[in-house]
Amino acid sequence: MIAPMVDLHVHTVSSGHAYSTVEECARWAAQKGLQAIAITDHGPAIPGSGNLYHFWNLKVLPRRMHGIWILRSVEANILDGEGGLDLPDKILESLDVVHAGLHPYTGYQGDSVQENTAALIAAIRHPLVDIIVHPDNPAFPVDMEAVVGEAVREGKALEINNSSFVHTRSGSEENCLHMARLLAAKGGLVAVGSDAHVAAFAGEFTHAVEVLQETDITEESVINYSIERLEEFLGSRGKPLRLE
C-alpha cells in the first residue's frame, strides 16, 4: 500500500487554531509529491473558525497552486442526533467535498454511546456529507459496527486520521484498528487524512498507512488514493469534481 496522493484533511489559519495559509499548505504538498489537498477548515461552531461568508467565498480560491489541485471543503460540526450541521445546505452544495464530525465545545449535547452513534448515523444519512471524520475518537464512543454498517449502506467514507496517532484524540489506536477491520471485512470506503494544522504536516500519512497495511484494506477502498479515484467516488455520489 502506497500512501494516498490526495490529502483530504488540511487546515489553514481560517480554522482559528491552525498556523498556515492555503498557499503554504499547497507548497508543502507539492514538495511531498501530492496531487491535491482539500482545505477543510472547521465549521463556524468551532470557536475562532470561519463564518458563513468564509465558506461561501471559497469559490475565489485558485484551483491549482504550486501544481497542486485545491479542493474546497469543510470539516462541519455535527450538532445533534438528527443530522444537523453548522453550515446550511446551500453552502454545502457549493463545496467539492463535505466532511462532518463530532467535536467538543460546539453545542453537541450527546454523552452516551447510543446518542453518539445516532448522531454519526444521522450525519452519514445527510445527502451532502461525503466523509465522517475521526469516528474512532474515544471522547465520543460509538457502536462501531452500526456506524460502519450504515456507512457501507450509504456509500460514505469513514476517515483514518493520521493526527489521531500523533497529536490529538489520544487512545484512538484500538478504536481505529477495530473500525478498519470492519471496513475491510464489509468492503467499506476509507478516507485518509493528515488533519494537518500546520503546512509541514500536509500529506503525513505514516501511521494511517500502517493501519491500512495491517488490516488489508485495498487501494480501491481508499477514496483519495489518487485524484482519479476521488473523482470516481464523487462522481458516484452525483458530485462530479470540476477541476476547471
Foldseek 3Di string as FASTA:
>chain_A
DDFFQEAEAAEACQLVQFHHDPQLLQQLSVVVRHAEYEHAREAPLRPRHDDQVVLQPPVPDAQAHSNHGYFREYAWEQQFLQQDTRYDPVSLLVGLAYEYEHDPRRNRDDDDQVGLQSSLLNNLPPLSHAEYELPLQPNRHYPLLSNQVSCQVSQHAYEDEQVCVPPDSPPSVVSSLVNLLSCQVSVAAYEYHPNHSYSNSGSPRVVVVVSCVVNVRDCLRYCRSDPVSVQVSCVVSVRHDDSD
